[in-house]
PDB file of N, CA and C in Angstrom:
ATOM      1  N   MET A   1     226.324 146.262 146.093  1.00  0.00           N
ATOM      2  CA  MET A   1     225.949 145.243 145.169  1.00  0.00           C
ATOM      3  C   MET A   1     224.788 145.735 144.321  1.00  0.00           C
ATOM      4  N   GLY A   2     224.868 145.368 143.032  1.00  0.00           N
ATOM      5  CA  GLY A   2     223.808 145.760 142.115  1.00  0.00           C
ATOM      6  C   GLY A   2     222.658 144.764 142.156  1.00  0.00           C
ATOM      7  N   LYS A   3     221.546 145.247 141.680  1.00  0.00           N
ATOM      8  CA  LYS A   3     220.388 144.348 141.635  1.00  0.00           C
ATOM      9  C   LYS A   3     220.572 143.337 140.502  1.00  0.00           C
ATOM     10  N   THR A   4     220.144 142.154 140.769  1.00  0.00           N
ATOM     11  CA  THR A   4     220.214 141.135 139.714  1.00  0.00           C
ATOM     12  C   THR A   4     218.836 141.003 139.074  1.00  0.00           C
ATOM     13  N   LYS A   5     218.854 140.799 137.796  1.00  0.00           N
ATOM     14  CA  LYS A   5     217.585 140.634 137.092  1.00  0.00           C
ATOM     15  C   LYS A   5     217.054 139.230 137.356  1.00  0.00           C
ATOM     16  N   PRO A   6     215.752 139.154 137.583  1.00  0.00           N
ATOM     17  CA  PRO A   6     215.196 137.803 137.731  1.00  0.00           C
ATOM     18  C   PRO A   6     215.270 137.085 136.385  1.00  0.00           C
ATOM     19  N   THR A   7     215.650 135.875 136.441  1.00  0.00           N
ATOM     20  CA  THR A   7     215.775 135.123 135.190  1.00  0.00           C
ATOM     21  C   THR A   7     214.513 134.306 134.953  1.00  0.00           C
ATOM     22  N   ALA A   8     214.174 134.205 133.707  1.00  0.00           N
ATOM     23  CA  ALA A   8     213.013 133.390 133.345  1.00  0.00           C
ATOM     24  C   ALA A   8     213.391 131.928 133.502  1.00  0.00           C
ATOM     25  N   PRO A   9     212.428 131.118 133.821  1.00  0.00           N
ATOM     26  CA  PRO A   9     212.760 129.697 133.943  1.00  0.00           C
ATOM     27  C   PRO A   9     213.268 129.170 132.600  1.00  0.00           C
ATOM     28  N   ILE A  10     214.229 128.338 132.694  1.00  0.00           N
ATOM     29  CA  ILE A  10     214.836 127.792 131.480  1.00  0.00           C
ATOM     30  C   ILE A  10     213.883 126.755 130.885  1.00  0.00           C
ATOM     31  N   LYS A  11     213.548 126.990 129.614  1.00  0.00           N
ATOM     32  CA  LYS A  11     212.654 126.045 128.954  1.00  0.00           C
ATOM     33  C   LYS A  11     213.486 124.937 128.333  1.00  0.00           C
ATOM     34  N   THR A  12     213.014 123.776 128.559  1.00  0.00           N
ATOM     35  CA  THR A  12     213.702 122.630 127.971  1.00  0.00           C
ATOM     36  C   THR A  12     213.003 122.234 126.679  1.00  0.00           C
ATOM     37  N   LYS A  13     213.630 121.362 125.952  1.00  0.00           N
ATOM     38  CA  LYS A  13     213.038 120.882 124.703  1.00  0.00           C
ATOM     39  C   LYS A  13     211.717 120.173 124.994  1.00  0.00           C
ATOM     40  N   LYS A  14     211.660 119.504 126.137  1.00  0.00           N
ATOM     41  CA  LYS A  14     210.438 118.792 126.513  1.00  0.00           C
ATOM     42  C   LYS A  14     209.289 119.782 126.723  1.00  0.00           C
ATOM     43  N   ASP A  15     209.574 120.928 127.373  1.00  0.00           N
ATOM     44  CA  ASP A  15     208.555 121.957 127.585  1.00  0.00           C
ATOM     45  C   ASP A  15     208.048 122.494 126.249  1.00  0.00           C
ATOM     46  N   ASN A  16     208.973 122.759 125.338  1.00  0.00           N
ATOM     47  CA  ASN A  16     208.583 123.274 124.025  1.00  0.00           C
ATOM     48  C   ASN A  16     207.727 122.265 123.266  1.00  0.00           C
ATOM     49  N   ASN A  17     208.102 120.999 123.330  1.00  0.00           N
ATOM     50  CA  ASN A  17     207.325 119.967 122.649  1.00  0.00           C
ATOM     51  C   ASN A  17     205.908 119.879 123.209  1.00  0.00           C
ATOM     52  N   ALA A  18     205.779 120.010 124.528  1.00  0.00           N
ATOM     53  CA  ALA A  18     204.459 119.960 125.161  1.00  0.00           C
ATOM     54  C   ALA A  18     203.611 121.148 124.713  1.00  0.00           C
ATOM     55  N   ALA A  19     204.226 122.326 124.642  1.00  0.00           N
ATOM     56  CA  ALA A  19     203.494 123.516 124.204  1.00  0.00           C
ATOM     57  C   ALA A  19     203.053 123.377 122.750  1.00  0.00           C
ATOM     58  N   VAL A  20     203.932 122.871 121.919  1.00  0.00           N
ATOM     59  CA  VAL A  20     203.591 122.661 120.505  1.00  0.00           C
ATOM     60  C   VAL A  20     202.461 121.646 120.393  1.00  0.00           C
ATOM     61  N   GLN A  21     202.529 120.612 121.184  1.00  0.00           N
ATOM     62  CA  GLN A  21     201.492 119.575 121.145  1.00  0.00           C
ATOM     63  C   GLN A  21     200.138 120.147 121.574  1.00  0.00           C
ATOM     64  N   ARG A  22     200.126 120.961 122.641  1.00  0.00           N
ATOM     65  CA  ARG A  22     198.878 121.584 123.085  1.00  0.00           C
ATOM     66  C   ARG A  22     198.305 122.485 121.997  1.00  0.00           C
ATOM     67  N   CYS A  23     199.174 123.226 121.330  1.00  0.00           N
ATOM     68  CA  CYS A  23     198.746 124.115 120.249  1.00  0.00           C
ATOM     69  C   CYS A  23     198.145 123.305 119.099  1.00  0.00           C
ATOM     70  N   ARG A  24     198.787 122.212 118.750  1.00  0.00           N
ATOM     71  CA  ARG A  24     198.272 121.353 117.671  1.00  0.00           C
ATOM     72  C   ARG A  24     196.909 120.779 118.034  1.00  0.00           C
ATOM     73  N   ILE A  25     196.774 120.334 119.272  1.00  0.00           N
ATOM     74  CA  ILE A  25     195.499 119.770 119.723  1.00  0.00           C
ATOM     75  C   ILE A  25     194.404 120.826 119.648  1.00  0.00           C
ATOM     76  N   ARG A  26     194.707 122.038 120.119  1.00  0.00           N
ATOM     77  CA  ARG A  26     193.727 123.125 120.106  1.00  0.00           C
ATOM     78  C   ARG A  26     193.317 123.467 118.669  1.00  0.00           C
ATOM     79  N   LYS A  27     194.293 123.572 117.772  1.00  0.00           N
ATOM     80  CA  LYS A  27     193.992 123.880 116.371  1.00  0.00           C
ATOM     81  C   LYS A  27     193.174 122.765 115.726  1.00  0.00           C
ATOM     82  N   ASN A  28     193.495 121.524 116.050  1.00  0.00           N
ATOM     83  CA  ASN A  28     192.750 120.392 115.513  1.00  0.00           C
ATOM     84  C   ASN A  28     191.298 120.422 115.994  1.00  0.00           C
ATOM     85  N   GLU A  29     191.100 120.739 117.274  1.00  0.00           N
ATOM     86  CA  GLU A  29     189.742 120.837 117.817  1.00  0.00           C
ATOM     87  C   GLU A  29     188.965 121.955 117.131  1.00  0.00           C
ATOM     88  N   GLN A  30     189.620 123.098 116.909  1.00  0.00           N
ATOM     89  CA  GLN A  30     188.963 124.210 116.224  1.00  0.00           C
ATOM     90  C   GLN A  30     188.593 123.822 114.796  1.00  0.00           C
ATOM     91  N   PHE A  31     189.480 123.115 114.112  1.00  0.00           N
ATOM     92  CA  PHE A  31     189.220 122.682 112.741  1.00  0.00           C
ATOM     93  C   PHE A  31     188.041 121.715 112.699  1.00  0.00           C
ATOM     94  N   GLN A  32     188.018 120.768 113.637  1.00  0.00           N
ATOM     95  CA  GLN A  32     186.910 119.811 113.681  1.00  0.00           C
ATOM     96  C   GLN A  32     185.586 120.516 113.952  1.00  0.00           C
ATOM     97  N   GLN A  33     185.590 121.505 114.842  1.00  0.00           N
ATOM     98  CA  GLN A  33     184.371 122.255 115.138  1.00  0.00           C
ATOM     99  C   GLN A  33     183.916 123.034 113.909  1.00  0.00           C
ATOM    100  N   ALA A  34     184.858 123.603 113.173  1.00  0.00           N
ATOM    101  CA  ALA A  34     184.513 124.342 111.953  1.00  0.00           C
ATOM    102  C   ALA A  34     183.896 123.405 110.917  1.00  0.00           C
ATOM    103  N   GLN A  35     184.414 122.183 110.816  1.00  0.00           N
ATOM    104  CA  GLN A  35     183.838 121.215 109.878  1.00  0.00           C
ATOM    105  C   GLN A  35     182.415 120.844 110.282  1.00  0.00           C
ATOM    106  N   ILE A  36     182.187 120.665 111.575  1.00  0.00           N
ATOM    107  CA  ILE A  36     180.847 120.344 112.073  1.00  0.00           C
ATOM    108  C   ILE A  36     179.900 121.500 111.776  1.00  0.00           C
ATOM    109  N   ASP A  37     180.347 122.732 112.042  1.00  0.00           N
ATOM    110  CA  ASP A  37     179.517 123.908 111.774  1.00  0.00           C
ATOM    111  C   ASP A  37     179.176 124.008 110.291  1.00  0.00           C
ATOM    112  N   GLU A  38     180.164 123.758 109.436  1.00  0.00           N
ATOM    113  CA  GLU A  38     179.934 123.823 107.988  1.00  0.00           C
ATOM    114  C   GLU A  38     178.909 122.777 107.560  1.00  0.00           C
ATOM    115  N   LYS A  39     179.013 121.588 108.120  1.00  0.00           N
ATOM    116  CA  LYS A  39     178.074 120.513 107.785  1.00  0.00           C
ATOM    117  C   LYS A  39     176.652 120.907 108.182  1.00  0.00           C
ATOM    118  N   HIS A  40     176.499 121.491 109.382  1.00  0.00           N
ATOM    119  CA  HIS A  40     175.174 121.920 109.838  1.00  0.00           C
ATOM    120  C   HIS A  40     174.621 123.030 108.945  1.00  0.00           C
ATOM    121  N   LEU A  41     175.476 123.959 108.540  1.00  0.00           N
ATOM    122  CA  LEU A  41     175.022 125.038 107.658  1.00  0.00           C
ATOM    123  C   LEU A  41     174.574 124.496 106.304  1.00  0.00           C
ATOM    124  N   LEU A  42     175.320 123.552 105.757  1.00  0.00           N
ATOM    125  CA  LEU A  42     174.929 122.960 104.480  1.00  0.00           C
ATOM    126  C   LEU A  42     173.600 122.220 104.598  1.00  0.00           C
ATOM    127  N   GLN A  43     173.391 121.539 105.715  1.00  0.00           N
ATOM    128  CA  GLN A  43     172.114 120.854 105.928  1.00  0.00           C
ATOM    129  C   GLN A  43     170.971 121.863 106.012  1.00  0.00           C
ATOM    130  N   GLU A  44     171.207 122.973 106.689  1.00  0.00           N
ATOM    131  CA  GLU A  44     170.187 124.019 106.804  1.00  0.00           C
ATOM    132  C   GLU A  44     169.878 124.618 105.432  1.00  0.00           C
ATOM    133  N   ILE A  45     170.908 124.840 104.627  1.00  0.00           N
ATOM    134  CA  ILE A  45     170.706 125.384 103.279  1.00  0.00           C
ATOM    135  C   ILE A  45     169.888 124.412 102.437  1.00  0.00           C
ATOM    136  N   GLU A  46     170.227 123.129 102.507  1.00  0.00           N
ATOM    137  CA  GLU A  46     169.479 122.128 101.744  1.00  0.00           C
ATOM    138  C   GLU A  46     168.016 122.097 102.170  1.00  0.00           C
ATOM    139  N   LYS A  47     167.775 122.204 103.475  1.00  0.00           N
ATOM    140  CA  LYS A  47     166.413 122.193 103.987  1.00  0.00           C
ATOM    141  C   LYS A  47     165.631 123.402 103.455  1.00  0.00           C
ATOM    142  N   ARG A  48     166.257 124.569 103.478  1.00  0.00           N
ATOM    143  CA  ARG A  48     165.590 125.779 102.984  1.00  0.00           C
ATOM    144  C   ARG A  48     165.356 125.711 101.480  1.00  0.00           C
ATOM    145  N   GLN A  49     166.320 125.154 100.749  1.00  0.00           N
ATOM    146  CA  GLN A  49     166.134 125.007  99.304  1.00  0.00           C
ATOM    147  C   GLN A  49     164.957 124.083  99.006  1.00  0.00           C
ATOM    148  N   ALA A  50     164.830 123.009  99.763  1.00  0.00           N
ATOM    149  CA  ALA A  50     163.710 122.089  99.570  1.00  0.00           C
ATOM    150  C   ALA A  50     162.389 122.801  99.849  1.00  0.00           C
ATOM    151  N   ASN A  51     162.359 123.639 100.891  1.00  0.00           N
ATOM    152  CA  ASN A  51     161.146 124.396 101.206  1.00  0.00           C
ATOM    153  C   ASN A  51     160.788 125.354 100.078  1.00  0.00           C
ATOM    154  N   ILE A  52     161.780 126.027  99.526  1.00  0.00           N
ATOM    155  CA  ILE A  52     161.525 126.979  98.446  1.00  0.00           C
ATOM    156  C   ILE A  52     161.030 126.248  97.201  1.00  0.00           C
ATOM    157  N   LYS A  53     161.626 125.109  96.892  1.00  0.00           N
ATOM    158  CA  LYS A  53     161.163 124.326  95.740  1.00  0.00           C
ATOM    159  C   LYS A  53     159.721 123.886  95.936  1.00  0.00           C
ATOM    160  N   GLN A  54     159.374 123.533  97.159  1.00  0.00           N
ATOM    161  CA  GLN A  54     158.007 123.128  97.468  1.00  0.00           C
ATOM    162  C   GLN A  54     157.049 124.307  97.278  1.00  0.00           C
ATOM    163  N   ILE A  55     157.459 125.491  97.696  1.00  0.00           N
ATOM    164  CA  ILE A  55     156.632 126.688  97.513  1.00  0.00           C
ATOM    165  C   ILE A  55     156.428 126.963  96.029  1.00  0.00           C
ATOM    166  N   ILE A  56     157.488 126.828  95.243  1.00  0.00           N
ATOM    167  CA  ILE A  56     157.386 127.054  93.797  1.00  0.00           C
ATOM    168  C   ILE A  56     156.395 126.069  93.180  1.00  0.00           C
ATOM    169  N   LYS A  57     156.478 124.801  93.559  1.00  0.00           N
ATOM    170  CA  LYS A  57     155.556 123.795  93.019  1.00  0.00           C
ATOM    171  C   LYS A  57     154.114 124.103  93.410  1.00  0.00           C
ATOM    172  N   ARG A  58     153.904 124.490  94.672  1.00  0.00           N
ATOM    173  CA  ARG A  58     152.545 124.817  95.113  1.00  0.00           C
ATOM    174  C   ARG A  58     151.983 126.001  94.350  1.00  0.00           C
ATOM    175  N   PHE A  59     152.819 127.024  94.143  1.00  0.00           N
ATOM    176  CA  PHE A  59     152.368 128.203  93.406  1.00  0.00           C
ATOM    177  C   PHE A  59     151.995 127.825  91.978  1.00  0.00           C
ATOM    178  N   GLU A  60     152.851 127.022  91.335  1.00  0.00           N
ATOM    179  CA  GLU A  60     152.572 126.625  89.953  1.00  0.00           C
ATOM    180  C   GLU A  60     151.295 125.799  89.855  1.00  0.00           C
ATOM    181  N   SER A  61     151.083 124.896  90.800  1.00  0.00           N
ATOM    182  CA  SER A  61     149.853 124.094  90.756  1.00  0.00           C
ATOM    183  C   SER A  61     148.632 124.971  91.037  1.00  0.00           C
ATOM    184  N   HIS A  62     148.792 125.946  91.915  1.00  0.00           N
ATOM    185  CA  HIS A  62     147.691 126.873  92.198  1.00  0.00           C
ATOM    186  C   HIS A  62     147.357 127.697  90.954  1.00  0.00           C
ATOM    187  N   MET A  63     148.387 128.185  90.272  1.00  0.00           N
ATOM    188  CA  MET A  63     148.161 128.971  89.052  1.00  0.00           C
ATOM    189  C   MET A  63     147.497 128.115  87.974  1.00  0.00           C
ATOM    190  N   ALA A  64     147.873 126.851  87.894  1.00  0.00           N
ATOM    191  CA  ALA A  64     147.283 125.966  86.886  1.00  0.00           C
ATOM    192  C   ALA A  64     145.818 125.675  87.186  1.00  0.00           C
ATOM    193  N   SER A  65     145.454 125.717  88.464  1.00  0.00           N
ATOM    194  CA  SER A  65     144.073 125.396  88.833  1.00  0.00           C
ATOM    195  C   SER A  65     143.130 126.594  88.732  1.00  0.00           C
ATOM    196  N   LEU A  66     143.666 127.778  88.494  1.00  0.00           N
ATOM    197  CA  LEU A  66     142.798 128.956  88.373  1.00  0.00           C
ATOM    198  C   LEU A  66     141.966 128.874  87.096  1.00  0.00           C
ATOM    199  N   PRO A  67     140.730 129.335  87.166  1.00  0.00           N
ATOM    200  CA  PRO A  67     139.927 129.371  85.936  1.00  0.00           C
ATOM    201  C   PRO A  67     140.504 130.399  84.959  1.00  0.00           C
ATOM    202  N   PRO A  68     140.299 130.201  83.665  1.00  0.00           N
ATOM    203  CA  PRO A  68     140.878 131.108  82.666  1.00  0.00           C
ATOM    204  C   PRO A  68     140.472 132.569  82.853  1.00  0.00           C
ATOM    205  N   SER A  69     139.265 132.798  83.339  1.00  0.00           N
ATOM    206  CA  SER A  69     138.824 134.187  83.510  1.00  0.00           C
ATOM    207  C   SER A  69     139.683 134.917  84.545  1.00  0.00           C
ATOM    208  N   VAL A  70     140.140 134.195  85.553  1.00  0.00           N
ATOM    209  CA  VAL A  70     140.976 134.808  86.590  1.00  0.00           C
ATOM    210  C   VAL A  70     142.436 134.845  86.148  1.00  0.00           C
ATOM    211  N   SER A  71     142.910 133.748  85.579  1.00  0.00           N
ATOM    212  CA  SER A  71     144.329 133.668  85.239  1.00  0.00           C
ATOM    213  C   SER A  71     144.716 134.597  84.098  1.00  0.00           C
ATOM    214  N   LYS A  72     143.747 135.080  83.346  1.00  0.00           N
ATOM    215  CA  LYS A  72     144.056 135.977  82.227  1.00  0.00           C
ATOM    216  C   LYS A  72     144.078 137.452  82.636  1.00  0.00           C
ATOM    217  N   THR A  73     143.700 137.765  83.863  1.00  0.00           N
ATOM    218  CA  THR A  73     143.707 139.169  84.280  1.00  0.00           C
ATOM    219  C   THR A  73     145.137 139.687  84.349  1.00  0.00           C
ATOM    220  N   ALA A  74     145.285 140.985  84.152  1.00  0.00           N
ATOM    221  CA  ALA A  74     146.615 141.604  84.081  1.00  0.00           C
ATOM    222  C   ALA A  74     147.384 141.443  85.394  1.00  0.00           C
ATOM    223  N   ASN A  75     146.705 141.632  86.514  1.00  0.00           N
ATOM    224  CA  ASN A  75     147.391 141.525  87.809  1.00  0.00           C
ATOM    225  C   ASN A  75     147.938 140.117  88.035  1.00  0.00           C
ATOM    226  N   VAL A  76     147.146 139.119  87.725  1.00  0.00           N
ATOM    227  CA  VAL A  76     147.579 137.740  87.918  1.00  0.00           C
ATOM    228  C   VAL A  76     148.714 137.413  86.953  1.00  0.00           C
ATOM    229  N   GLN A  77     148.630 137.898  85.725  1.00  0.00           N
ATOM    230  CA  GLN A  77     149.694 137.664  84.746  1.00  0.00           C
ATOM    231  C   GLN A  77     151.010 138.287  85.212  1.00  0.00           C
ATOM    232  N   ARG A  78     150.945 139.518  85.724  1.00  0.00           N
ATOM    233  CA  ARG A  78     152.159 140.188  86.225  1.00  0.00           C
ATOM    234  C   ARG A  78     152.743 139.428  87.413  1.00  0.00           C
ATOM    235  N   MET A  79     151.864 139.017  88.315  1.00  0.00           N
ATOM    236  CA  MET A  79     152.323 138.278  89.492  1.00  0.00           C
ATOM    237  C   MET A  79     152.994 136.967  89.056  1.00  0.00           C
ATOM    238  N   HIS A  80     152.384 136.278  88.124  1.00  0.00           N
ATOM    239  CA  HIS A  80     152.934 135.014  87.647  1.00  0.00           C
ATOM    240  C   HIS A  80     154.277 135.232  86.955  1.00  0.00           C
ATOM    241  N   GLN A  81     154.369 136.279  86.162  1.00  0.00           N
ATOM    242  CA  GLN A  81     155.620 136.589  85.463  1.00  0.00           C
ATOM    243  C   GLN A  81     156.726 136.925  86.467  1.00  0.00           C
ATOM    244  N   LYS A  82     156.394 137.746  87.456  1.00  0.00           N
ATOM    245  CA  LYS A  82     157.377 138.130  88.473  1.00  0.00           C
ATOM    246  C   LYS A  82     157.833 136.902  89.268  1.00  0.00           C
ATOM    247  N   PHE A  83     156.882 136.060  89.620  1.00  0.00           N
ATOM    248  CA  PHE A  83     157.228 134.850  90.367  1.00  0.00           C
ATOM    249  C   PHE A  83     158.140 133.952  89.542  1.00  0.00           C
ATOM    250  N   ASN A  84     157.869 133.823  88.263  1.00  0.00           N
ATOM    251  CA  ASN A  84     158.732 133.009  87.396  1.00  0.00           C
ATOM    252  C   ASN A  84     160.142 133.579  87.342  1.00  0.00           C
ATOM    253  N   GLN A  85     160.264 134.897  87.274  1.00  0.00           N
ATOM    254  CA  GLN A  85     161.588 135.527  87.264  1.00  0.00           C
ATOM    255  C   GLN A  85     162.340 135.211  88.553  1.00  0.00           C
ATOM    256  N   ILE A  86     161.649 135.346  89.667  1.00  0.00           N
ATOM    257  CA  ILE A  86     162.275 135.103  90.971  1.00  0.00           C
ATOM    258  C   ILE A  86     162.682 133.635  91.096  1.00  0.00           C
ATOM    259  N   SER A  87     161.796 132.733  90.720  1.00  0.00           N
ATOM    260  CA  SER A  87     162.119 131.309  90.875  1.00  0.00           C
ATOM    261  C   SER A  87     163.251 130.890  89.940  1.00  0.00           C
ATOM    262  N   LYS A  88     163.299 131.446  88.723  1.00  0.00           N
ATOM    263  CA  LYS A  88     164.410 131.136  87.817  1.00  0.00           C
ATOM    264  C   LYS A  88     165.723 131.657  88.387  1.00  0.00           C
ATOM    265  N   ALA A  89     165.699 132.887  88.881  1.00  0.00           N
ATOM    266  CA  ALA A  89     166.914 133.466  89.462  1.00  0.00           C
ATOM    267  C   ALA A  89     167.369 132.641  90.656  1.00  0.00           C
ATOM    268  N   TYR A  90     166.435 132.202  91.467  1.00  0.00           N
ATOM    269  CA  TYR A  90     166.801 131.413  92.642  1.00  0.00           C
ATOM    270  C   TYR A  90     167.413 130.085  92.231  1.00  0.00           C
ATOM    271  N   THR A  91     166.756 129.375  91.319  1.00  0.00           N
ATOM    272  CA  THR A  91     167.226 128.031  90.989  1.00  0.00           C
ATOM    273  C   THR A  91     168.548 128.053  90.240  1.00  0.00           C
ATOM    274  N   THR A  92     168.836 129.111  89.488  1.00  0.00           N
ATOM    275  CA  THR A  92     170.100 129.138  88.748  1.00  0.00           C
ATOM    276  C   THR A  92     171.253 129.668  89.589  1.00  0.00           C
ATOM    277  N   GLN A  93     170.994 130.605  90.491  1.00  0.00           N
ATOM    278  CA  GLN A  93     172.079 131.252  91.220  1.00  0.00           C
ATOM    279  C   GLN A  93     172.340 130.666  92.594  1.00  0.00           C
ATOM    280  N   ASN A  94     171.345 130.106  93.233  1.00  0.00           N
ATOM    281  CA  ASN A  94     171.494 129.744  94.639  1.00  0.00           C
ATOM    282  C   ASN A  94     171.522 128.249  94.902  1.00  0.00           C
ATOM    283  N   THR A  95     171.995 127.477  93.969  1.00  0.00           N
ATOM    284  CA  THR A  95     172.099 126.047  94.238  1.00  0.00           C
ATOM    285  C   THR A  95     173.442 125.762  94.887  1.00  0.00           C
ATOM    286  N   VAL A  96     173.432 124.888  95.854  1.00  0.00           N
ATOM    287  CA  VAL A  96     174.656 124.530  96.570  1.00  0.00           C
ATOM    288  C   VAL A  96     175.172 123.232  95.985  1.00  0.00           C
ATOM    289  N   LYS A  97     176.406 123.246  95.578  1.00  0.00           N
ATOM    290  CA  LYS A  97     177.019 122.038  95.038  1.00  0.00           C
ATOM    291  C   LYS A  97     177.802 121.370  96.155  1.00  0.00           C
ATOM    292  N   LEU A  98     177.437 120.164  96.456  1.00  0.00           N
ATOM    293  CA  LEU A  98     178.108 119.434  97.536  1.00  0.00           C
ATOM    294  C   LEU A  98     179.148 118.507  96.975  1.00  0.00           C
TER     295      LEU A  98
END
């Protein structure tokens, strides 16, 4: 007598439906987690943007409060110009649209 091959258990339609349902549930859970993660990241970005805007305002008020003898020096002028370039680049390129 020859060896018989072991047969795989016969899957019924009910088994397939259960597997499909488990897969759908798992994918739905992953999608929901991704949405939660995205929401947290957007909140973190908004928080950091608010901090940067606050830094820009503080710098501008500090520069405005400097006496003319200090604010007219070349080093301070260069620093102010560079800061303006950076803040303009930040505000135009890195805003998040919700």
